[in-house]
Amino acid sequence: MDSKQKMAIAGFGLVAAGIGLGIVGTALIAPAVFSWAVRSLEKGADRLGAELEGASRRVGTVAGTLHRSFNEATKAGMSEMTRGTSEERRSAGSKFGAA
């Protein structure tokens, strides 16, 4: 064998070894990358859950405040209506009583 053939065989061996090491490296790093991705997704889901919980709490607070305001407005309106009808009865009674 001449030196060119020996160099070609050695080059092919080195390329094959490089490909093999690349496959082994990929096989070793793939579980770590998968674990990192899952951990990142879990953290993101936890953060999203916390944000949604906070938003839900804020919406509940606003809804409670509005409900309380509407209840107070309803009570005030009902008392105003009641007072208005009683005043109308009194004024109507005095008109009829005077006549």
PDB file of N, CA and C in Angstrom:
ATOM      1  N   MET A   1       0.844  -1.159   0.000  1.00  0.00           N
ATOM      2  CA  MET A   1       0.000   0.000   0.000  1.00  0.00           C
ATOM      3  C   MET A   1       0.894   1.228   0.000  1.00  0.00           C
ATOM      4  N   ASP A   2       0.506   2.164  -0.801  1.00  0.00           N
ATOM      5  CA  ASP A   2       1.303   3.377  -0.796  1.00  0.00           C
ATOM      6  C   ASP A   2       0.774   4.350   0.259  1.00  0.00           C
ATOM      7  N   SER A   3       1.432   5.423   0.465  1.00  0.00           N
ATOM      8  CA  SER A   3       1.130   6.333   1.580  1.00  0.00           C
ATOM      9  C   SER A   3      -0.192   7.070   1.370  1.00  0.00           C
ATOM     10  N   LYS A   4      -0.599   7.287   0.098  1.00  0.00           N
ATOM     11  CA  LYS A   4      -1.866   7.958  -0.156  1.00  0.00           C
ATOM     12  C   LYS A   4      -3.026   7.096   0.318  1.00  0.00           C
ATOM     13  N   GLN A   5      -2.956   5.810   0.066  1.00  0.00           N
ATOM     14  CA  GLN A   5      -4.023   4.903   0.508  1.00  0.00           C
ATOM     15  C   GLN A   5      -4.062   4.835   2.035  1.00  0.00           C
ATOM     16  N   LYS A   6      -2.875   4.787   2.644  1.00  0.00           N
ATOM     17  CA  LYS A   6      -2.827   4.748   4.113  1.00  0.00           C
ATOM     18  C   LYS A   6      -3.424   6.024   4.702  1.00  0.00           C
ATOM     19  N   MET A   7      -3.119   7.152   4.121  1.00  0.00           N
ATOM     20  CA  MET A   7      -3.661   8.418   4.595  1.00  0.00           C
ATOM     21  C   MET A   7      -5.178   8.474   4.371  1.00  0.00           C
ATOM     22  N   ALA A   8      -5.669   7.937   3.278  1.00  0.00           N
ATOM     23  CA  ALA A   8      -7.109   7.918   3.005  1.00  0.00           C
ATOM     24  C   ALA A   8      -7.831   7.040   4.025  1.00  0.00           C
ATOM     25  N   ILE A   9      -7.239   5.864   4.328  1.00  0.00           N
ATOM     26  CA  ILE A   9      -7.844   4.966   5.311  1.00  0.00           C
ATOM     27  C   ILE A   9      -7.818   5.618   6.694  1.00  0.00           C
ATOM     28  N   ALA A  10      -6.719   6.266   7.038  1.00  0.00           N
ATOM     29  CA  ALA A  10      -6.621   6.946   8.337  1.00  0.00           C
ATOM     30  C   ALA A  10      -7.618   8.103   8.404  1.00  0.00           C
ATOM     31  N   GLY A  11      -7.777   8.834   7.319  1.00  0.00           N
ATOM     32  CA  GLY A  11      -8.748   9.945   7.274  1.00  0.00           C
ATOM     33  C   GLY A  11     -10.173   9.436   7.424  1.00  0.00           C
ATOM     34  N   PHE A  12     -10.459   8.316   6.718  1.00  0.00           N
ATOM     35  CA  PHE A  12     -11.784   7.726   6.832  1.00  0.00           C
ATOM     36  C   PHE A  12     -12.040   7.260   8.267  1.00  0.00           C
ATOM     37  N   GLY A  13     -11.028   6.676   8.888  1.00  0.00           N
ATOM     38  CA  GLY A  13     -11.152   6.224  10.278  1.00  0.00           C
ATOM     39  C   GLY A  13     -11.425   7.399  11.208  1.00  0.00           C
ATOM     40  N   LEU A  14     -10.696   8.511  10.996  1.00  0.00           N
ATOM     41  CA  LEU A  14     -10.915   9.687  11.837  1.00  0.00           C
ATOM     42  C   LEU A  14     -12.316  10.290  11.633  1.00  0.00           C
ATOM     43  N   VAL A  15     -12.784  10.317  10.389  1.00  0.00           N
ATOM     44  CA  VAL A  15     -14.129  10.821  10.108  1.00  0.00           C
ATOM     45  C   VAL A  15     -15.169   9.926  10.761  1.00  0.00           C
ATOM     46  N   ALA A  16     -14.993   8.605  10.647  1.00  0.00           N
ATOM     47  CA  ALA A  16     -15.924   7.655  11.261  1.00  0.00           C
ATOM     48  C   ALA A  16     -15.905   7.801  12.786  1.00  0.00           C
ATOM     49  N   ALA A  17     -14.712   7.985  13.361  1.00  0.00           N
ATOM     50  CA  ALA A  17     -14.611   8.178  14.808  1.00  0.00           C
ATOM     51  C   ALA A  17     -15.313   9.476  15.220  1.00  0.00           C
ATOM     52  N   GLY A  18     -15.171  10.519  14.432  1.00  0.00           N
ATOM     53  CA  GLY A  18     -15.832  11.804  14.722  1.00  0.00           C
ATOM     54  C   GLY A  18     -17.349  11.673  14.663  1.00  0.00           C
ATOM     55  N   ILE A  19     -17.831  10.953  13.655  1.00  0.00           N
ATOM     56  CA  ILE A  19     -19.276  10.733  13.545  1.00  0.00           C
ATOM     57  C   ILE A  19     -19.768   9.914  14.739  1.00  0.00           C
ATOM     58  N   GLY A  20     -19.042   8.893  15.098  1.00  0.00           N
ATOM     59  CA  GLY A  20     -19.420   8.058  16.244  1.00  0.00           C
ATOM     60  C   GLY A  20     -19.443   8.863  17.538  1.00  0.00           C
ATOM     61  N   LEU A  21     -18.414   9.695  17.755  1.00  0.00           N
ATOM     62  CA  LEU A  21     -18.387  10.532  18.959  1.00  0.00           C
ATOM     63  C   LEU A  21     -19.527  11.547  18.962  1.00  0.00           C
ATOM     64  N   GLY A  22     -19.879  12.040  17.778  1.00  0.00           N
ATOM     65  CA  GLY A  22     -21.018  12.958  17.675  1.00  0.00           C
ATOM     66  C   GLY A  22     -22.321  12.277  18.073  1.00  0.00           C
ATOM     67  N   ILE A  23     -22.498  11.034  17.631  1.00  0.00           N
ATOM     68  CA  ILE A  23     -23.701  10.270  17.988  1.00  0.00           C
ATOM     69  C   ILE A  23     -23.734  10.001  19.488  1.00  0.00           C
ATOM     70  N   VAL A  24     -22.592   9.604  20.037  1.00  0.00           N
ATOM     71  CA  VAL A  24     -22.520   9.344  21.476  1.00  0.00           C
ATOM     72  C   VAL A  24     -22.784  10.630  22.263  1.00  0.00           C
ATOM     73  N   GLY A  25     -22.196  11.728  21.833  1.00  0.00           N
ATOM     74  CA  GLY A  25     -22.420  13.015  22.507  1.00  0.00           C
ATOM     75  C   GLY A  25     -23.886  13.429  22.459  1.00  0.00           C
ATOM     76  N   THR A  26     -24.509  13.234  21.311  1.00  0.00           N
ATOM     77  CA  THR A  26     -25.934  13.551  21.183  1.00  0.00           C
ATOM     78  C   THR A  26     -26.760  12.672  22.111  1.00  0.00           C
ATOM     79  N   ALA A  27     -26.421  11.400  22.166  1.00  0.00           N
ATOM     80  CA  ALA A  27     -27.161  10.480  23.035  1.00  0.00           C
ATOM     81  C   ALA A  27     -26.979  10.849  24.505  1.00  0.00           C
ATOM     82  N   LEU A  28     -25.816  11.362  24.864  1.00  0.00           N
ATOM     83  CA  LEU A  28     -25.583  11.746  26.255  1.00  0.00           C
ATOM     84  C   LEU A  28     -26.227  13.081  26.614  1.00  0.00           C
ATOM     85  N   ILE A  29     -26.264  14.003  25.670  1.00  0.00           N
ATOM     86  CA  ILE A  29     -26.781  15.330  25.987  1.00  0.00           C
ATOM     87  C   ILE A  29     -28.294  15.424  25.804  1.00  0.00           C
ATOM     88  N   ALA A  30     -28.895  14.560  25.015  1.00  0.00           N
ATOM     89  CA  ALA A  30     -30.335  14.626  24.759  1.00  0.00           C
ATOM     90  C   ALA A  30     -31.162  14.532  26.046  1.00  0.00           C
ATOM     91  N   PRO A  31     -30.879  13.610  26.964  1.00  0.00           N
ATOM     92  CA  PRO A  31     -31.678  13.584  28.200  1.00  0.00           C
ATOM     93  C   PRO A  31     -31.521  14.861  29.028  1.00  0.00           C
ATOM     94  N   ALA A  32     -30.331  15.431  29.044  1.00  0.00           N
ATOM     95  CA  ALA A  32     -30.118  16.666  29.801  1.00  0.00           C
ATOM     96  C   ALA A  32     -30.915  17.817  29.182  1.00  0.00           C
ATOM     97  N   VAL A  33     -30.916  17.906  27.871  1.00  0.00           N
ATOM     98  CA  VAL A  33     -31.679  18.955  27.189  1.00  0.00           C
ATOM     99  C   VAL A  33     -33.176  18.753  27.423  1.00  0.00           C
ATOM    100  N   PHE A  34     -33.627  17.508  27.357  1.00  0.00           N
ATOM    101  CA  PHE A  34     -35.032  17.197  27.599  1.00  0.00           C
ATOM    102  C   PHE A  34     -35.420  17.579  29.026  1.00  0.00           C
ATOM    103  N   SER A  35     -34.580  17.242  29.980  1.00  0.00           N
ATOM    104  CA  SER A  35     -34.839  17.581  31.378  1.00  0.00           C
ATOM    105  C   SER A  35     -34.886  19.091  31.571  1.00  0.00           C
ATOM    106  N   TRP A  36     -33.971  19.808  30.946  1.00  0.00           N
ATOM    107  CA  TRP A  36     -33.945  21.265  31.042  1.00  0.00           C
ATOM    108  C   TRP A  36     -35.218  21.863  30.448  1.00  0.00           C
ATOM    109  N   ALA A  37     -35.644  21.334  29.300  1.00  0.00           N
ATOM    110  CA  ALA A  37     -36.851  21.849  28.652  1.00  0.00           C
ATOM    111  C   ALA A  37     -38.084  21.593  29.525  1.00  0.00           C
ATOM    112  N   VAL A  38     -38.183  20.402  30.104  1.00  0.00           N
ATOM    113  CA  VAL A  38     -39.325  20.090  30.969  1.00  0.00           C
ATOM    114  C   VAL A  38     -39.330  20.991  32.192  1.00  0.00           C
ATOM    115  N   ARG A  39     -38.174  21.205  32.790  1.00  0.00           N
ATOM    116  CA  ARG A  39     -38.063  22.080  33.959  1.00  0.00           C
ATOM    117  C   ARG A  39     -38.478  23.510  33.606  1.00  0.00           C
ATOM    118  N   SER A  40     -38.049  23.972  32.443  1.00  0.00           N
ATOM    119  CA  SER A  40     -38.414  25.321  32.010  1.00  0.00           C
ATOM    120  C   SER A  40     -39.916  25.435  31.802  1.00  0.00           C
ATOM    121  N   LEU A  41     -40.524  24.429  31.189  1.00  0.00           N
ATOM    122  CA  LEU A  41     -41.963  24.444  30.979  1.00  0.00           C
ATOM    123  C   LEU A  41     -42.727  24.413  32.303  1.00  0.00           C
ATOM    124  N   GLU A  42     -42.236  23.639  33.263  1.00  0.00           N
ATOM    125  CA  GLU A  42     -42.888  23.585  34.577  1.00  0.00           C
ATOM    126  C   GLU A  42     -42.811  24.935  35.284  1.00  0.00           C
ATOM    127  N   LYS A  43     -41.648  25.580  35.213  1.00  0.00           N
ATOM    128  CA  LYS A  43     -41.505  26.897  35.827  1.00  0.00           C
ATOM    129  C   LYS A  43     -42.441  27.897  35.159  1.00  0.00           C
ATOM    130  N   GLY A  44     -42.505  27.830  33.832  1.00  0.00           N
ATOM    131  CA  GLY A  44     -43.405  28.727  33.101  1.00  0.00           C
ATOM    132  C   GLY A  44     -44.858  28.477  33.473  1.00  0.00           C
ATOM    133  N   ALA A  45     -45.230  27.219  33.616  1.00  0.00           N
ATOM    134  CA  ALA A  45     -46.604  26.897  34.001  1.00  0.00           C
ATOM    135  C   ALA A  45     -46.891  27.376  35.417  1.00  0.00           C
ATOM    136  N   ASP A  46     -45.926  27.244  36.312  1.00  0.00           N
ATOM    137  CA  ASP A  46     -46.111  27.729  37.686  1.00  0.00           C
ATOM    138  C   ASP A  46     -46.285  29.245  37.705  1.00  0.00           C
ATOM    139  N   ARG A  47     -45.453  29.936  36.931  1.00  0.00           N
ATOM    140  CA  ARG A  47     -45.565  31.389  36.869  1.00  0.00           C
ATOM    141  C   ARG A  47     -46.907  31.801  36.272  1.00  0.00           C
ATOM    142  N   LEU A  48     -47.313  31.100  35.217  1.00  0.00           N
ATOM    143  CA  LEU A  48     -48.592  31.411  34.591  1.00  0.00           C
ATOM    144  C   LEU A  48     -49.732  31.168  35.571  1.00  0.00           C
ATOM    145  N   GLY A  49     -49.644  30.081  36.323  1.00  0.00           N
ATOM    146  CA  GLY A  49     -50.670  29.794  37.328  1.00  0.00           C
ATOM    147  C   GLY A  49     -50.741  30.881  38.380  1.00  0.00           C
ATOM    148  N   ALA A  50     -49.589  31.355  38.816  1.00  0.00           N
ATOM    149  CA  ALA A  50     -49.556  32.427  39.816  1.00  0.00           C
ATOM    150  C   ALA A  50     -50.138  33.715  39.246  1.00  0.00           C
ATOM    151  N   GLU A  51     -49.813  34.020  38.009  1.00  0.00           N
ATOM    152  CA  GLU A  51     -50.351  35.223  37.372  1.00  0.00           C
ATOM    153  C   GLU A  51     -51.862  35.125  37.212  1.00  0.00           C
ATOM    154  N   LEU A  52     -52.338  33.959  36.806  1.00  0.00           N
ATOM    155  CA  LEU A  52     -53.781  33.772  36.652  1.00  0.00           C
ATOM    156  C   LEU A  52     -54.488  33.857  37.999  1.00  0.00           C
ATOM    157  N   GLU A  53     -53.856  33.332  39.033  1.00  0.00           N
ATOM    158  CA  GLU A  53     -54.439  33.410  40.372  1.00  0.00           C
ATOM    159  C   GLU A  53     -54.536  34.866  40.827  1.00  0.00           C
ATOM    160  N   GLY A  54     -53.491  35.629  40.590  1.00  0.00           N
ATOM    161  CA  GLY A  54     -53.510  37.051  40.951  1.00  0.00           C
ATOM    162  C   GLY A  54     -54.566  37.819  40.174  1.00  0.00           C
ATOM    163  N   ALA A  55     -54.666  37.525  38.879  1.00  0.00           N
ATOM    164  CA  ALA A  55     -55.679  38.192  38.062  1.00  0.00           C
ATOM    165  C   ALA A  55     -57.078  37.816  38.526  1.00  0.00           C
ATOM    166  N   SER A  56     -57.271  36.566  38.862  1.00  0.00           N
ATOM    167  CA  SER A  56     -58.570  36.117  39.354  1.00  0.00           C
ATOM    168  C   SER A  56     -58.919  36.809  40.661  1.00  0.00           C
ATOM    169  N   ARG A  57     -57.934  36.965  41.531  1.00  0.00           N
ATOM    170  CA  ARG A  57     -58.156  37.646  42.808  1.00  0.00           C
ATOM    171  C   ARG A  57     -58.547  39.105  42.566  1.00  0.00           C
ATOM    172  N   ARG A  58     -57.857  39.763  41.611  1.00  0.00           N
ATOM    173  CA  ARG A  58     -58.185  41.158  41.302  1.00  0.00           C
ATOM    174  C   ARG A  58     -59.594  41.278  40.735  1.00  0.00           C
ATOM    175  N   VAL A  59     -59.958  40.368  39.842  1.00  0.00           N
ATOM    176  CA  VAL A  59     -61.304  40.385  39.266  1.00  0.00           C
ATOM    177  C   VAL A  59     -62.341  40.162  40.354  1.00  0.00           C
ATOM    178  N   GLY A  60     -62.073  39.261  41.274  1.00  0.00           N
ATOM    179  CA  GLY A  60     -62.985  39.012  42.386  1.00  0.00           C
ATOM    180  C   GLY A  60     -63.151  40.238  43.267  1.00  0.00           C
ATOM    181  N   THR A  61     -62.060  40.929  43.516  1.00  0.00           N
ATOM    182  CA  THR A  61     -62.117  42.144  44.330  1.00  0.00           C
ATOM    183  C   THR A  61     -62.954  43.211  43.635  1.00  0.00           C
ATOM    184  N   VAL A  62     -62.720  43.398  42.355  1.00  0.00           N
ATOM    185  CA  VAL A  62     -63.484  44.391  41.596  1.00  0.00           C
ATOM    186  C   VAL A  62     -64.958  44.007  41.563  1.00  0.00           C
ATOM    187  N   ALA A  63     -65.246  42.733  41.325  1.00  0.00           N
ATOM    188  CA  ALA A  63     -66.635  42.277  41.274  1.00  0.00           C
ATOM    189  C   ALA A  63     -67.312  42.476  42.626  1.00  0.00           C
ATOM    190  N   GLY A  64     -66.611  42.183  43.714  1.00  0.00           N
ATOM    191  CA  GLY A  64     -67.179  42.388  45.044  1.00  0.00           C
ATOM    192  C   GLY A  64     -67.459  43.851  45.322  1.00  0.00           C
ATOM    193  N   THR A  65     -66.535  44.706  44.926  1.00  0.00           N
ATOM    194  CA  THR A  65     -66.718  46.142  45.125  1.00  0.00           C
ATOM    195  C   THR A  65     -67.913  46.641  44.325  1.00  0.00           C
ATOM    196  N   LEU A  66     -68.005  46.206  43.065  1.00  0.00           N
ATOM    197  CA  LEU A  66     -69.132  46.621  42.236  1.00  0.00           C
ATOM    198  C   LEU A  66     -70.443  46.098  42.798  1.00  0.00           C
ATOM    199  N   HIS A  67     -70.445  44.867  43.266  1.00  0.00           N
ATOM    200  CA  HIS A  67     -71.654  44.284  43.837  1.00  0.00           C
ATOM    201  C   HIS A  67     -72.099  45.074  45.062  1.00  0.00           C
ATOM    202  N   ARG A  68     -71.144  45.414  45.909  1.00  0.00           N
ATOM    203  CA  ARG A  68     -71.453  46.195  47.109  1.00  0.00           C
ATOM    204  C   ARG A  68     -71.987  47.570  46.706  1.00  0.00           C
ATOM    205  N   SER A  69     -71.369  48.194  45.707  1.00  0.00           N
ATOM    206  CA  SER A  69     -71.815  49.507  45.252  1.00  0.00           C
ATOM    207  C   SER A  69     -73.231  49.421  44.686  1.00  0.00           C
ATOM    208  N   PHE A  70     -73.509  48.382  43.899  1.00  0.00           N
ATOM    209  CA  PHE A  70     -74.843  48.227  43.332  1.00  0.00           C
ATOM    210  C   PHE A  70     -75.871  47.958  44.423  1.00  0.00           C
ATOM    211  N   ASN A  71     -75.495  47.175  45.429  1.00  0.00           N
ATOM    212  CA  ASN A  71     -76.419  46.927  46.535  1.00  0.00           C
ATOM    213  C   ASN A  71     -76.733  48.222  47.279  1.00  0.00           C
ATOM    214  N   GLU A  72     -75.704  49.017  47.538  1.00  0.00           N
ATOM    215  CA  GLU A  72     -75.922  50.289  48.229  1.00  0.00           C
ATOM    216  C   GLU A  72     -76.768  51.227  47.374  1.00  0.00           C
ATOM    217  N   ALA A  73     -76.518  51.256  46.080  1.00  0.00           N
ATOM    218  CA  ALA A  73     -77.300  52.104  45.180  1.00  0.00           C
ATOM    219  C   ALA A  73     -78.747  51.621  45.125  1.00  0.00           C
ATOM    220  N   THR A  74     -78.950  50.318  45.139  1.00  0.00           N
ATOM    221  CA  THR A  74     -80.308  49.773  45.130  1.00  0.00           C
ATOM    222  C   THR A  74     -81.046  50.160  46.402  1.00  0.00           C
ATOM    223  N   LYS A  75     -80.370  50.025  47.538  1.00  0.00           N
ATOM    224  CA  LYS A  75     -81.003  50.401  48.813  1.00  0.00           C
ATOM    225  C   LYS A  75     -81.341  51.886  48.812  1.00  0.00           C
ATOM    226  N   ALA A  76     -80.421  52.721  48.344  1.00  0.00           N
ATOM    227  CA  ALA A  76     -80.670  54.159  48.300  1.00  0.00           C
ATOM    228  C   ALA A  76     -81.819  54.467  47.350  1.00  0.00           C
ATOM    229  N   GLY A  77     -81.837  53.797  46.217  1.00  0.00           N
ATOM    230  CA  GLY A  77     -82.920  54.014  45.251  1.00  0.00           C
ATOM    231  C   GLY A  77     -84.261  53.574  45.808  1.00  0.00           C
ATOM    232  N   MET A  78     -84.276  52.436  46.488  1.00  0.00           N
ATOM    233  CA  MET A  78     -85.527  51.946  47.064  1.00  0.00           C
ATOM    234  C   MET A  78     -86.019  52.883  48.154  1.00  0.00           C
ATOM    235  N   SER A  79     -85.114  53.372  48.992  1.00  0.00           N
ATOM    236  CA  SER A  79     -85.539  54.297  50.051  1.00  0.00           C
ATOM    237  C   SER A  79     -86.020  55.607  49.436  1.00  0.00           C
ATOM    238  N   GLU A  80     -85.374  56.048  48.368  1.00  0.00           N
ATOM    239  CA  GLU A  80     -85.789  57.268  47.681  1.00  0.00           C
ATOM    240  C   GLU A  80     -87.167  57.077  47.054  1.00  0.00           C
ATOM    241  N   MET A  81     -87.378  55.905  46.457  1.00  0.00           N
ATOM    242  CA  MET A  81     -88.680  55.626  45.856  1.00  0.00           C
ATOM    243  C   MET A  81     -89.750  55.545  46.933  1.00  0.00           C
ATOM    244  N   THR A  82     -89.432  54.902  48.039  1.00  0.00           N
ATOM    245  CA  THR A  82     -90.386  54.778  49.141  1.00  0.00           C
ATOM    246  C   THR A  82     -90.703  56.153  49.717  1.00  0.00           C
ATOM    247  N   ARG A  83     -89.690  56.956  49.912  1.00  0.00           N
ATOM    248  CA  ARG A  83     -89.883  58.296  50.449  1.00  0.00           C
ATOM    249  C   ARG A  83     -90.681  59.143  49.465  1.00  0.00           C
ATOM    250  N   GLY A  84     -90.409  58.973  48.178  1.00  0.00           N
ATOM    251  CA  GLY A  84     -91.132  59.727  47.145  1.00  0.00           C
ATOM    252  C   GLY A  84     -92.603  59.359  47.107  1.00  0.00           C
ATOM    253  N   THR A  85     -92.941  58.074  47.209  1.00  0.00           N
ATOM    254  CA  THR A  85     -94.348  57.675  47.179  1.00  0.00           C
ATOM    255  C   THR A  85     -95.065  58.092  48.445  1.00  0.00           C
ATOM    256  N   SER A  86     -94.386  58.058  49.592  1.00  0.00           N
ATOM    257  CA  SER A  86     -95.041  58.487  50.830  1.00  0.00           C
ATOM    258  C   SER A  86     -95.287  59.996  50.806  1.00  0.00           C
ATOM    259  N   GLU A  87     -94.365  60.771  50.223  1.00  0.00           N
ATOM    260  CA  GLU A  87     -94.570  62.211  50.095  1.00  0.00           C
ATOM    261  C   GLU A  87     -95.710  62.509  49.136  1.00  0.00           C
ATOM    262  N   GLU A  88     -95.792  61.695  48.063  1.00  0.00           N
ATOM    263  CA  GLU A  88     -96.890  61.874  47.121  1.00  0.00           C
ATOM    264  C   GLU A  88     -98.221  61.577  47.801  1.00  0.00           C
ATOM    265  N   ARG A  89     -98.284  60.560  48.635  1.00  0.00           N
ATOM    266  CA  ARG A  89     -99.516  60.217  49.343  1.00  0.00           C
ATOM    267  C   ARG A  89     -99.903  61.328  50.316  1.00  0.00           C
ATOM    268  N   ARG A  90     -98.877  61.857  51.002  1.00  0.00           N
ATOM    269  CA  ARG A  90     -99.172  62.934  51.959  1.00  0.00           C
ATOM    270  C   ARG A  90     -99.684  64.179  51.232  1.00  0.00           C
ATOM    271  N   SER A  91     -99.011  64.493  50.136  1.00  0.00           N
ATOM    272  CA  SER A  91     -99.462  65.699  49.418  1.00  0.00           C
ATOM    273  C   SER A  91    -100.815  65.458  48.772  1.00  0.00           C
ATOM    274  N   ALA A  92    -101.036  64.244  48.291  1.00  0.00           N
ATOM    275  CA  ALA A  92    -102.350  63.933  47.705  1.00  0.00           C
ATOM    276  C   ALA A  92    -103.410  63.917  48.792  1.00  0.00           C
ATOM    277  N   GLY A  93    -103.090  63.409  49.970  1.00  0.00           N
ATOM    278  CA  GLY A  93    -104.035  63.370  51.090  1.00  0.00           C
ATOM    279  C   GLY A  93    -104.388  64.768  51.572  1.00  0.00           C
ATOM    280  N   SER A  94    -103.411  65.662  51.586  1.00  0.00           N
ATOM    281  CA  SER A  94    -103.693  67.006  52.059  1.00  0.00           C
ATOM    282  C   SER A  94    -104.551  67.763  51.053  1.00  0.00           C
ATOM    283  N   LYS A  95    -104.378  67.457  49.769  1.00  0.00           N
ATOM    284  CA  LYS A  95    -105.214  68.110  48.755  1.00  0.00           C
ATOM    285  C   LYS A  95    -106.653  67.664  48.917  1.00  0.00           C
ATOM    286  N   PHE A  96    -106.825  66.328  49.125  1.00  0.00           N
ATOM    287  CA  PHE A  96    -108.183  65.827  49.255  1.00  0.00           C
ATOM    288  C   PHE A  96    -108.794  66.192  50.612  1.00  0.00           C
ATOM    289  N   GLY A  97    -107.967  66.243  51.620  1.00  0.00           N
ATOM    290  CA  GLY A  97    -108.470  66.586  52.942  1.00  0.00           C
ATOM    291  C   GLY A  97    -108.878  68.042  53.023  1.00  0.00           C
ATOM    292  N   ALA A  98    -108.217  68.916  52.278  1.00  0.00           N
ATOM    293  CA  ALA A  98    -108.497  70.339  52.312  1.00  0.00           C
ATOM    294  C   ALA A  98    -109.739  70.673  51.517  1.00  0.00           C
ATOM    295  N   ALA A  99    -110.043  69.818  50.538  1.00  0.00           N
ATOM    296  CA  ALA A  99    -111.180  70.115  49.667  1.00  0.00           C
ATOM    297  C   ALA A  99    -112.425  69.665  50.261  1.00  0.00           C
TER     298      ALA A  99
END
